[in-house]
Amino acid sequence: MRSAFFLEESAGSLFCTGILHPQDTGQRRKFLIIPPFAEEMNKSRHVLAALSIGLGEAGHDVLIPDLFGTGDSAGDFSHATLDIWRTKLDAVIEHLGVRGDLELIGLRAGGLLAADAAIRLKARTLTLLHPLHNGRQQLTQTLRLRLAGSLTSGGKQETMAQLKERLAAGECLEIGGYGLSGQLANDLETLSLKQQVPSHLACVNWVEVAKQVERPLMPASQEVVDTWRESGVTVNSSVVACDQFWATQEIAQCPALVQ
């Protein structure tokens, strides 16, 4: 049955949605879907919800949490850290009742967190949906939004180097309605798929979105996939045809991804 609830935690409640079945048939799989970063999360909610419903209708349990400081969960984004997000995700996994058979799905920057959790918690499978390859990509993308905003508003022109210096000095930068702290910026730079080798997993599914399914994986993605395969990881890669819904101006569907 569909669920929407607040998971109470010491640092505040965590809002979760998904589908949890009342009885375990023994064949049920348990999925945790980790959403992307900031505004990409808002643009992606409908697609992740459709994915959750699809998994639920197939008889599986699935939860999607709003990370600490995002969505309807407690906390301020400016106080978020990687350690807090890890602790909160662990609490959701415990609520999901997983014992060694956790299956993780992560979209964009959520893929970095999913890979991190898969390695820490010895998950069974990992599915990466058009993932960022490292946290530095997310940081650069976010800071570019700040630079573009200052140009269009006629404010003082800033440079990428200046913004990074301010973050390194401990300043919190307001970007698109989110307060990015120096701590979180530093945490993001520690995440890298190429350095996170999930060698124990049964398999990794790497899925990218493109206008044409004939397109191969992006070169940087293929490099990570090759590195993992050389380390003995079974990686299934594919490309599905739809718009990059997390970045489109209008709400875009992606039925091929849900399939």
C-alpha atoms as a PDB file:
ATOM      1  CA  MET A   1       0.000   0.000   0.000  1.00  0.00           C
ATOM      2  CA  ARG A   2       1.155   3.552  -0.668  1.00  0.00           C
ATOM      3  CA  SER A   3       2.803   5.240   2.280  1.00  0.00           C
ATOM      4  CA  ALA A   4       3.663   8.798   3.234  1.00  0.00           C
ATOM      5  CA  PHE A   5       4.977   9.335   6.747  1.00  0.00           C
ATOM      6  CA  PHE A   6       7.488  11.125   8.934  1.00  0.00           C
ATOM      7  CA  LEU A   7      10.236   8.926  10.326  1.00  0.00           C
ATOM      8  CA  GLU A   8      11.097  10.443  13.693  1.00  0.00           C
ATOM      9  CA  GLU A   9      14.791  10.891  14.375  1.00  0.00           C
ATOM     10  CA  SER A  10      16.828  12.599  17.087  1.00  0.00           C
ATOM     11  CA  ALA A  11      17.758  15.481  14.782  1.00  0.00           C
ATOM     12  CA  GLY A  12      14.208  15.837  13.447  1.00  0.00           C
ATOM     13  CA  SER A  13      11.718  13.992  11.291  1.00  0.00           C
ATOM     14  CA  LEU A  14      12.472  12.584   7.864  1.00  0.00           C
ATOM     15  CA  PHE A  15       9.663  12.580   5.317  1.00  0.00           C
ATOM     16  CA  CYS A  16       9.321   9.386   3.281  1.00  0.00           C
ATOM     17  CA  THR A  17       7.002   8.246   0.516  1.00  0.00           C
ATOM     18  CA  GLY A  18       6.709   4.904  -1.208  1.00  0.00           C
ATOM     19  CA  ILE A  19       4.934   1.570  -1.102  1.00  0.00           C
ATOM     20  CA  LEU A  20       5.138  -0.896   1.777  1.00  0.00           C
ATOM     21  CA  HIS A  21       3.257  -4.181   1.668  1.00  0.00           C
ATOM     22  CA  PRO A  22       1.712  -5.507   4.902  1.00  0.00           C
ATOM     23  CA  GLN A  23       2.871  -9.113   4.501  1.00  0.00           C
ATOM     24  CA  ASP A  24       6.176 -10.524   3.293  1.00  0.00           C
ATOM     25  CA  THR A  25       5.784 -13.326   0.754  1.00  0.00           C
ATOM     26  CA  GLY A  26       9.482 -14.132   0.761  1.00  0.00           C
ATOM     27  CA  GLN A  27       9.807 -13.016  -2.873  1.00  0.00           C
ATOM     28  CA  ARG A  28       9.662  -9.302  -2.175  1.00  0.00           C
ATOM     29  CA  ARG A  29      12.616  -7.071  -2.937  1.00  0.00           C
ATOM     30  CA  LYS A  30      13.331  -3.893  -0.994  1.00  0.00           C
ATOM     31  CA  PHE A  31      14.401  -0.708  -2.763  1.00  0.00           C
ATOM     32  CA  LEU A  32      15.598   2.648  -1.512  1.00  0.00           C
ATOM     33  CA  ILE A  33      15.482   5.480  -4.071  1.00  0.00           C
ATOM     34  CA  ILE A  34      17.747   8.455  -3.360  1.00  0.00           C
ATOM     35  CA  PRO A  35      16.722  11.689  -5.116  1.00  0.00           C
ATOM     36  CA  PRO A  36      19.074  14.249  -6.675  1.00  0.00           C
ATOM     37  CA  PHE A  37      20.347  17.548  -5.336  1.00  0.00           C
ATOM     38  CA  ALA A  38      18.399  20.775  -4.721  1.00  0.00           C
ATOM     39  CA  GLU A  39      16.192  21.918  -7.614  1.00  0.00           C
ATOM     40  CA  GLU A  40      16.844  18.724  -9.591  1.00  0.00           C
ATOM     41  CA  MET A  41      15.005  16.906  -6.803  1.00  0.00           C
ATOM     42  CA  ASN A  42      11.882  19.033  -7.329  1.00  0.00           C
ATOM     43  CA  LYS A  43      11.936  18.502 -11.100  1.00  0.00           C
ATOM     44  CA  SER A  44      12.313  14.737 -10.629  1.00  0.00           C
ATOM     45  CA  ARG A  45       9.630  13.960  -8.055  1.00  0.00           C
ATOM     46  CA  HIS A  46       6.996  12.808 -10.547  1.00  0.00           C
ATOM     47  CA  VAL A  47       9.356  10.417 -12.343  1.00  0.00           C
ATOM     48  CA  LEU A  48      10.661   8.911  -9.114  1.00  0.00           C
ATOM     49  CA  ALA A  49       7.087   8.567  -7.858  1.00  0.00           C
ATOM     50  CA  ALA A  50       6.158   6.701 -11.054  1.00  0.00           C
ATOM     51  CA  LEU A  51       9.177   4.445 -10.574  1.00  0.00           C
ATOM     52  CA  SER A  52       8.133   3.788  -6.970  1.00  0.00           C
ATOM     53  CA  ILE A  53       4.594   2.889  -8.043  1.00  0.00           C
ATOM     54  CA  GLY A  54       5.913   0.572 -10.751  1.00  0.00           C
ATOM     55  CA  LEU A  55       8.103  -1.296  -8.275  1.00  0.00           C
ATOM     56  CA  GLY A  56       5.280  -1.410  -5.751  1.00  0.00           C
ATOM     57  CA  GLU A  57       2.793  -2.807  -8.259  1.00  0.00           C
ATOM     58  CA  ALA A  58       5.348  -5.505  -9.067  1.00  0.00           C
ATOM     59  CA  GLY A  59       5.063  -6.576  -5.424  1.00  0.00           C
ATOM     60  CA  HIS A  60       8.154  -4.933  -3.952  1.00  0.00           C
ATOM     61  CA  ASP A  61       8.724  -2.507  -1.063  1.00  0.00           C
ATOM     62  CA  VAL A  62      10.190   0.885  -1.953  1.00  0.00           C
ATOM     63  CA  LEU A  63      10.850   4.128  -0.090  1.00  0.00           C
ATOM     64  CA  ILE A  64      11.969   7.595  -1.240  1.00  0.00           C
ATOM     65  CA  PRO A  65      13.172   9.904   1.557  1.00  0.00           C
ATOM     66  CA  ASP A  66      13.537  13.655   1.463  1.00  0.00           C
ATOM     67  CA  LEU A  67      17.095  14.158   2.658  1.00  0.00           C
ATOM     68  CA  PHE A  68      17.705  16.191   5.807  1.00  0.00           C
ATOM     69  CA  GLY A  69      17.174  19.871   5.024  1.00  0.00           C
ATOM     70  CA  THR A  70      15.249  19.175   1.805  1.00  0.00           C
ATOM     71  CA  GLY A  71      11.601  18.786   0.835  1.00  0.00           C
ATOM     72  CA  ASP A  72       9.340  18.142   3.809  1.00  0.00           C
ATOM     73  CA  SER A  73      12.043  16.731   6.072  1.00  0.00           C
ATOM     74  CA  ALA A  74      13.265  18.597   9.124  1.00  0.00           C
ATOM     75  CA  GLY A  75      16.400  20.701   9.166  1.00  0.00           C
ATOM     76  CA  ASP A  76      17.848  23.534   7.153  1.00  0.00           C
ATOM     77  CA  PHE A  77      19.836  22.752   4.025  1.00  0.00           C
ATOM     78  CA  SER A  78      22.611  25.046   5.236  1.00  0.00           C
ATOM     79  CA  HIS A  79      23.166  22.641   8.166  1.00  0.00           C
ATOM     80  CA  ALA A  80      23.301  19.492   6.017  1.00  0.00           C
ATOM     81  CA  THR A  81      26.462  17.413   5.929  1.00  0.00           C
ATOM     82  CA  LEU A  82      27.381  14.115   4.319  1.00  0.00           C
ATOM     83  CA  ASP A  83      27.526  12.418   7.727  1.00  0.00           C
ATOM     84  CA  ILE A  84      24.004  13.617   8.580  1.00  0.00           C
ATOM     85  CA  TRP A  85      22.675  12.353   5.243  1.00  0.00           C
ATOM     86  CA  ARG A  86      24.377   8.988   5.817  1.00  0.00           C
ATOM     87  CA  THR A  87      22.864   8.670   9.275  1.00  0.00           C
ATOM     88  CA  LYS A  88      19.389   9.554   8.009  1.00  0.00           C
ATOM     89  CA  LEU A  89      19.594   7.141   5.077  1.00  0.00           C
ATOM     90  CA  ASP A  90      20.675   4.386   7.456  1.00  0.00           C
ATOM     91  CA  ALA A  91      17.557   5.079   9.550  1.00  0.00           C
ATOM     92  CA  VAL A  92      15.302   4.749   6.486  1.00  0.00           C
ATOM     93  CA  ILE A  93      17.013   1.486   5.534  1.00  0.00           C
ATOM     94  CA  GLU A  94      16.454   0.148   9.034  1.00  0.00           C
ATOM     95  CA  HIS A  95      12.775   1.101   8.793  1.00  0.00           C
ATOM     96  CA  LEU A  96      12.596  -0.690   5.441  1.00  0.00           C
ATOM     97  CA  GLY A  97      13.625  -3.837   7.299  1.00  0.00           C
ATOM     98  CA  VAL A  98      16.450  -4.865   5.026  1.00  0.00           C
ATOM     99  CA  ARG A  99      18.756  -7.672   6.072  1.00  0.00           C
ATOM    100  CA  GLY A 100      21.527  -7.963   3.507  1.00  0.00           C
ATOM    101  CA  ASP A 101      19.310  -7.645   0.425  1.00  0.00           C
ATOM    102  CA  LEU A 102      19.093  -3.870   0.065  1.00  0.00           C
ATOM    103  CA  GLU A 103      18.707  -2.577  -3.503  1.00  0.00           C
ATOM    104  CA  LEU A 104      19.680   1.047  -4.045  1.00  0.00           C
ATOM    105  CA  ILE A 105      18.604   3.405  -6.817  1.00  0.00           C
ATOM    106  CA  GLY A 106      20.104   6.882  -7.162  1.00  0.00           C
ATOM    107  CA  LEU A 107      19.380   9.669  -9.633  1.00  0.00           C
ATOM    108  CA  ARG A 108      22.081  12.206 -10.532  1.00  0.00           C
ATOM    109  CA  ALA A 109      23.820  13.269  -7.273  1.00  0.00           C
ATOM    110  CA  GLY A 110      21.603  10.725  -5.527  1.00  0.00           C
ATOM    111  CA  GLY A 111      23.674   8.144  -7.387  1.00  0.00           C
ATOM    112  CA  LEU A 112      26.777   9.286  -5.501  1.00  0.00           C
ATOM    113  CA  LEU A 113      24.963   8.796  -2.186  1.00  0.00           C
ATOM    114  CA  ALA A 114      23.549   5.468  -3.369  1.00  0.00           C
ATOM    115  CA  ALA A 115      27.015   4.183  -4.309  1.00  0.00           C
ATOM    116  CA  ASP A 116      28.357   5.381  -0.954  1.00  0.00           C
ATOM    117  CA  ALA A 117      25.561   3.558   0.898  1.00  0.00           C
ATOM    118  CA  ALA A 118      25.938   0.427  -1.242  1.00  0.00           C
ATOM    119  CA  ILE A 119      29.574   0.119  -0.230  1.00  0.00           C
ATOM    120  CA  ARG A 120      29.056   0.996   3.429  1.00  0.00           C
ATOM    121  CA  LEU A 121      26.083  -1.320   3.931  1.00  0.00           C
ATOM    122  CA  LYS A 122      26.966  -4.205   1.619  1.00  0.00           C
ATOM    123  CA  ALA A 123      23.892  -3.783  -0.579  1.00  0.00           C
ATOM    124  CA  ARG A 124      22.796  -6.393  -3.096  1.00  0.00           C
ATOM    125  CA  THR A 125      22.370  -4.220  -6.201  1.00  0.00           C
ATOM    126  CA  LEU A 126      22.930  -0.622  -7.246  1.00  0.00           C
ATOM    127  CA  THR A 127      21.098   1.208 -10.026  1.00  0.00           C
ATOM    128  CA  LEU A 128      22.508   4.550 -11.148  1.00  0.00           C
ATOM    129  CA  LEU A 129      20.214   6.793 -13.174  1.00  0.00           C
ATOM    130  CA  HIS A 130      22.245   9.276 -15.242  1.00  0.00           C
ATOM    131  CA  PRO A 131      24.598   9.734 -12.295  1.00  0.00           C
ATOM    132  CA  LEU A 132      27.075  12.494 -11.718  1.00  0.00           C
ATOM    133  CA  HIS A 133      30.559  11.004 -11.713  1.00  0.00           C
ATOM    134  CA  ASN A 134      31.769  12.906  -8.673  1.00  0.00           C
ATOM    135  CA  GLY A 135      30.670  15.509  -6.167  1.00  0.00           C
ATOM    136  CA  ARG A 136      32.906  18.127  -7.747  1.00  0.00           C
ATOM    137  CA  GLN A 137      30.539  18.130 -10.740  1.00  0.00           C
ATOM    138  CA  GLN A 138      27.620  18.925  -8.445  1.00  0.00           C
ATOM    139  CA  LEU A 139      29.527  21.669  -6.669  1.00  0.00           C
ATOM    140  CA  THR A 140      30.596  23.279  -9.952  1.00  0.00           C
ATOM    141  CA  GLN A 141      27.055  23.071 -11.340  1.00  0.00           C
ATOM    142  CA  THR A 142      25.657  24.695  -8.204  1.00  0.00           C
ATOM    143  CA  LEU A 143      28.206  27.498  -8.139  1.00  0.00           C
ATOM    144  CA  ARG A 144      27.531  28.228 -11.810  1.00  0.00           C
ATOM    145  CA  LEU A 145      23.918  28.916 -10.857  1.00  0.00           C
ATOM    146  CA  ARG A 146      25.190  31.501  -8.381  1.00  0.00           C
ATOM    147  CA  LEU A 147      27.401  33.112 -11.027  1.00  0.00           C
ATOM    148  CA  ALA A 148      24.558  33.210 -13.558  1.00  0.00           C
ATOM    149  CA  GLY A 149      22.233  34.718 -10.964  1.00  0.00           C
ATOM    150  CA  SER A 150      24.639  37.528 -10.143  1.00  0.00           C
ATOM    151  CA  LEU A 151      25.015  38.371 -13.839  1.00  0.00           C
ATOM    152  CA  THR A 152      21.281  38.496 -14.592  1.00  0.00           C
ATOM    153  CA  SER A 153      20.477  40.496 -11.453  1.00  0.00           C
ATOM    154  CA  GLY A 154      23.096  43.108 -12.204  1.00  0.00           C
ATOM    155  CA  GLY A 155      24.850  42.434  -8.919  1.00  0.00           C
ATOM    156  CA  LYS A 156      28.546  42.297  -8.203  1.00  0.00           C
ATOM    157  CA  GLN A 157      30.323  39.956 -10.580  1.00  0.00           C
ATOM    158  CA  GLU A 158      31.916  36.949  -8.890  1.00  0.00           C
ATOM    159  CA  THR A 159      34.304  34.250 -10.040  1.00  0.00           C
ATOM    160  CA  MET A 160      34.320  30.524  -9.378  1.00  0.00           C
ATOM    161  CA  ALA A 161      37.614  30.875  -7.508  1.00  0.00           C
ATOM    162  CA  GLN A 162      36.178  33.591  -5.234  1.00  0.00           C
ATOM    163  CA  LEU A 163      33.128  31.477  -4.397  1.00  0.00           C
ATOM    164  CA  LYS A 164      35.289  28.473  -3.528  1.00  0.00           C
ATOM    165  CA  GLU A 165      37.510  30.652  -1.350  1.00  0.00           C
ATOM    166  CA  ARG A 166      34.471  31.894   0.570  1.00  0.00           C
ATOM    167  CA  LEU A 167      33.229  28.355   1.080  1.00  0.00           C
ATOM    168  CA  ALA A 168      36.680  27.247   2.234  1.00  0.00           C
ATOM    169  CA  ALA A 169      36.641  30.108   4.762  1.00  0.00           C
ATOM    170  CA  GLY A 170      33.431  28.704   6.252  1.00  0.00           C
ATOM    171  CA  GLU A 171      30.927  31.033   4.607  1.00  0.00           C
ATOM    172  CA  CYS A 172      27.460  29.813   3.645  1.00  0.00           C
ATOM    173  CA  LEU A 173      26.408  30.874   0.131  1.00  0.00           C
ATOM    174  CA  GLU A 174      22.783  31.425  -0.860  1.00  0.00           C
ATOM    175  CA  ILE A 175      22.165  29.735  -4.210  1.00  0.00           C
ATOM    176  CA  GLY A 176      18.715  29.319  -5.725  1.00  0.00           C
ATOM    177  CA  GLY A 177      17.026  29.372  -2.350  1.00  0.00           C
ATOM    178  CA  TYR A 178      19.447  26.884  -0.777  1.00  0.00           C
ATOM    179  CA  GLY A 179      22.197  27.723   1.660  1.00  0.00           C
ATOM    180  CA  LEU A 180      25.363  25.875   0.632  1.00  0.00           C
ATOM    181  CA  SER A 181      27.797  25.555   3.525  1.00  0.00           C
ATOM    182  CA  GLY A 182      31.536  25.168   3.269  1.00  0.00           C
ATOM    183  CA  GLN A 183      31.244  21.836   5.093  1.00  0.00           C
ATOM    184  CA  LEU A 184      28.807  20.363   2.563  1.00  0.00           C
ATOM    185  CA  ALA A 185      30.881  21.722  -0.329  1.00  0.00           C
ATOM    186  CA  ASN A 186      33.925  19.957   1.096  1.00  0.00           C
ATOM    187  CA  ASP A 187      31.908  16.769   1.679  1.00  0.00           C
ATOM    188  CA  LEU A 188      30.701  16.724  -1.920  1.00  0.00           C
ATOM    189  CA  GLU A 189      34.258  16.819  -3.203  1.00  0.00           C
ATOM    190  CA  THR A 190      35.035  13.570  -1.367  1.00  0.00           C
ATOM    191  CA  LEU A 191      32.502  11.608  -3.427  1.00  0.00           C
ATOM    192  CA  SER A 192      33.716   9.951  -6.628  1.00  0.00           C
ATOM    193  CA  LEU A 193      32.255   6.937  -8.421  1.00  0.00           C
ATOM    194  CA  LYS A 194      35.630   6.078  -9.927  1.00  0.00           C
ATOM    195  CA  GLN A 195      37.087   5.775  -6.431  1.00  0.00           C
ATOM    196  CA  GLN A 196      34.025   4.008  -4.979  1.00  0.00           C
ATOM    197  CA  VAL A 197      34.333   0.469  -6.331  1.00  0.00           C
ATOM    198  CA  PRO A 198      31.291  -1.606  -5.270  1.00  0.00           C
ATOM    199  CA  SER A 199      33.090  -4.922  -5.778  1.00  0.00           C
ATOM    200  CA  HIS A 200      30.771  -6.980  -3.548  1.00  0.00           C
ATOM    201  CA  LEU A 201      27.537  -6.164  -5.415  1.00  0.00           C
ATOM    202  CA  ALA A 202      25.614  -8.768  -7.380  1.00  0.00           C
ATOM    203  CA  CYS A 203      25.328  -6.218 -10.178  1.00  0.00           C
ATOM    204  CA  VAL A 204      25.274  -2.527 -11.049  1.00  0.00           C
ATOM    205  CA  ASN A 205      22.774  -1.087 -13.521  1.00  0.00           C
ATOM    206  CA  TRP A 206      23.993   2.121 -15.175  1.00  0.00           C
ATOM    207  CA  VAL A 207      21.241   3.914 -17.100  1.00  0.00           C
ATOM    208  CA  GLU A 208      21.613   7.156 -19.029  1.00  0.00           C
ATOM    209  CA  VAL A 209      18.999   9.351 -20.690  1.00  0.00           C
ATOM    210  CA  ALA A 210      19.384  10.658 -24.240  1.00  0.00           C
ATOM    211  CA  LYS A 211      17.334  11.728 -27.232  1.00  0.00           C
ATOM    212  CA  GLN A 212      18.509   8.677 -29.162  1.00  0.00           C
ATOM    213  CA  VAL A 213      18.948   5.241 -27.578  1.00  0.00           C
ATOM    214  CA  GLU A 214      21.646   4.435 -30.141  1.00  0.00           C
ATOM    215  CA  ARG A 215      23.994   6.813 -28.366  1.00  0.00           C
ATOM    216  CA  PRO A 216      26.678   5.069 -26.279  1.00  0.00           C
ATOM    217  CA  LEU A 217      27.377   6.011 -22.689  1.00  0.00           C
ATOM    218  CA  MET A 218      29.119   9.338 -22.199  1.00  0.00           C
ATOM    219  CA  PRO A 219      32.916   8.882 -22.344  1.00  0.00           C
ATOM    220  CA  ALA A 220      33.369   9.822 -18.671  1.00  0.00           C
ATOM    221  CA  SER A 221      30.677   7.308 -17.713  1.00  0.00           C
ATOM    222  CA  GLN A 222      32.253   4.585 -19.822  1.00  0.00           C
ATOM    223  CA  GLU A 223      35.568   5.263 -18.083  1.00  0.00           C
ATOM    224  CA  VAL A 224      33.996   4.605 -14.668  1.00  0.00           C
ATOM    225  CA  VAL A 225      32.190   1.522 -15.963  1.00  0.00           C
ATOM    226  CA  ASP A 226      35.443   0.154 -17.420  1.00  0.00           C
ATOM    227  CA  THR A 227      37.256   0.775 -14.126  1.00  0.00           C
ATOM    228  CA  TRP A 228      34.565  -1.100 -12.207  1.00  0.00           C
ATOM    229  CA  ARG A 229      34.497  -3.993 -14.676  1.00  0.00           C
ATOM    230  CA  GLU A 230      38.289  -4.314 -14.428  1.00  0.00           C
ATOM    231  CA  SER A 231      37.773  -4.639 -10.658  1.00  0.00           C
ATOM    232  CA  GLY A 232      35.343  -7.522 -11.170  1.00  0.00           C
ATOM    233  CA  VAL A 233      32.053  -5.619 -10.904  1.00  0.00           C
ATOM    234  CA  THR A 234      29.194  -6.788 -13.143  1.00  0.00           C
ATOM    235  CA  VAL A 235      27.852  -3.623 -14.796  1.00  0.00           C
ATOM    236  CA  ASN A 236      24.821  -3.584 -17.087  1.00  0.00           C
ATOM    237  CA  SER A 237      24.719  -0.334 -19.066  1.00  0.00           C
ATOM    238  CA  SER A 238      21.891   1.057 -21.160  1.00  0.00           C
ATOM    239  CA  VAL A 239      20.537   4.288 -22.658  1.00  0.00           C
ATOM    240  CA  VAL A 240      16.826   5.175 -22.652  1.00  0.00           C
ATOM    241  CA  ALA A 241      15.122   7.766 -24.841  1.00  0.00           C
ATOM    242  CA  CYS A 242      13.534  10.756 -23.093  1.00  0.00           C
ATOM    243  CA  ASP A 243      14.225  14.329 -22.071  1.00  0.00           C
ATOM    244  CA  GLN A 244      16.522  15.076 -19.164  1.00  0.00           C
ATOM    245  CA  PHE A 245      13.530  15.706 -16.931  1.00  0.00           C
ATOM    246  CA  TRP A 246      15.568  16.949 -13.960  1.00  0.00           C
ATOM    247  CA  ALA A 247      16.674  19.989 -15.989  1.00  0.00           C
ATOM    248  CA  THR A 248      13.785  20.761 -18.363  1.00  0.00           C
ATOM    249  CA  GLN A 249      11.867  24.029 -18.050  1.00  0.00           C
ATOM    250  CA  GLU A 250       8.534  22.212 -18.209  1.00  0.00           C
ATOM    251  CA  ILE A 251       7.636  19.025 -16.355  1.00  0.00           C
ATOM    252  CA  ALA A 252       8.762  16.096 -18.531  1.00  0.00           C
ATOM    253  CA  GLN A 253       7.810  12.449 -18.252  1.00  0.00           C
ATOM    254  CA  CYS A 254      10.191   9.548 -18.782  1.00  0.00           C
ATOM    255  CA  PRO A 255       8.174   6.327 -19.204  1.00  0.00           C
ATOM    256  CA  ALA A 256      11.120   4.506 -20.783  1.00  0.00           C
ATOM    257  CA  LEU A 257      13.143   4.976 -17.607  1.00  0.00           C
ATOM    258  CA  VAL A 258      10.343   3.634 -15.433  1.00  0.00           C
ATOM    259  CA  GLN A 259      10.036   0.618 -17.730  1.00  0.00           C
END
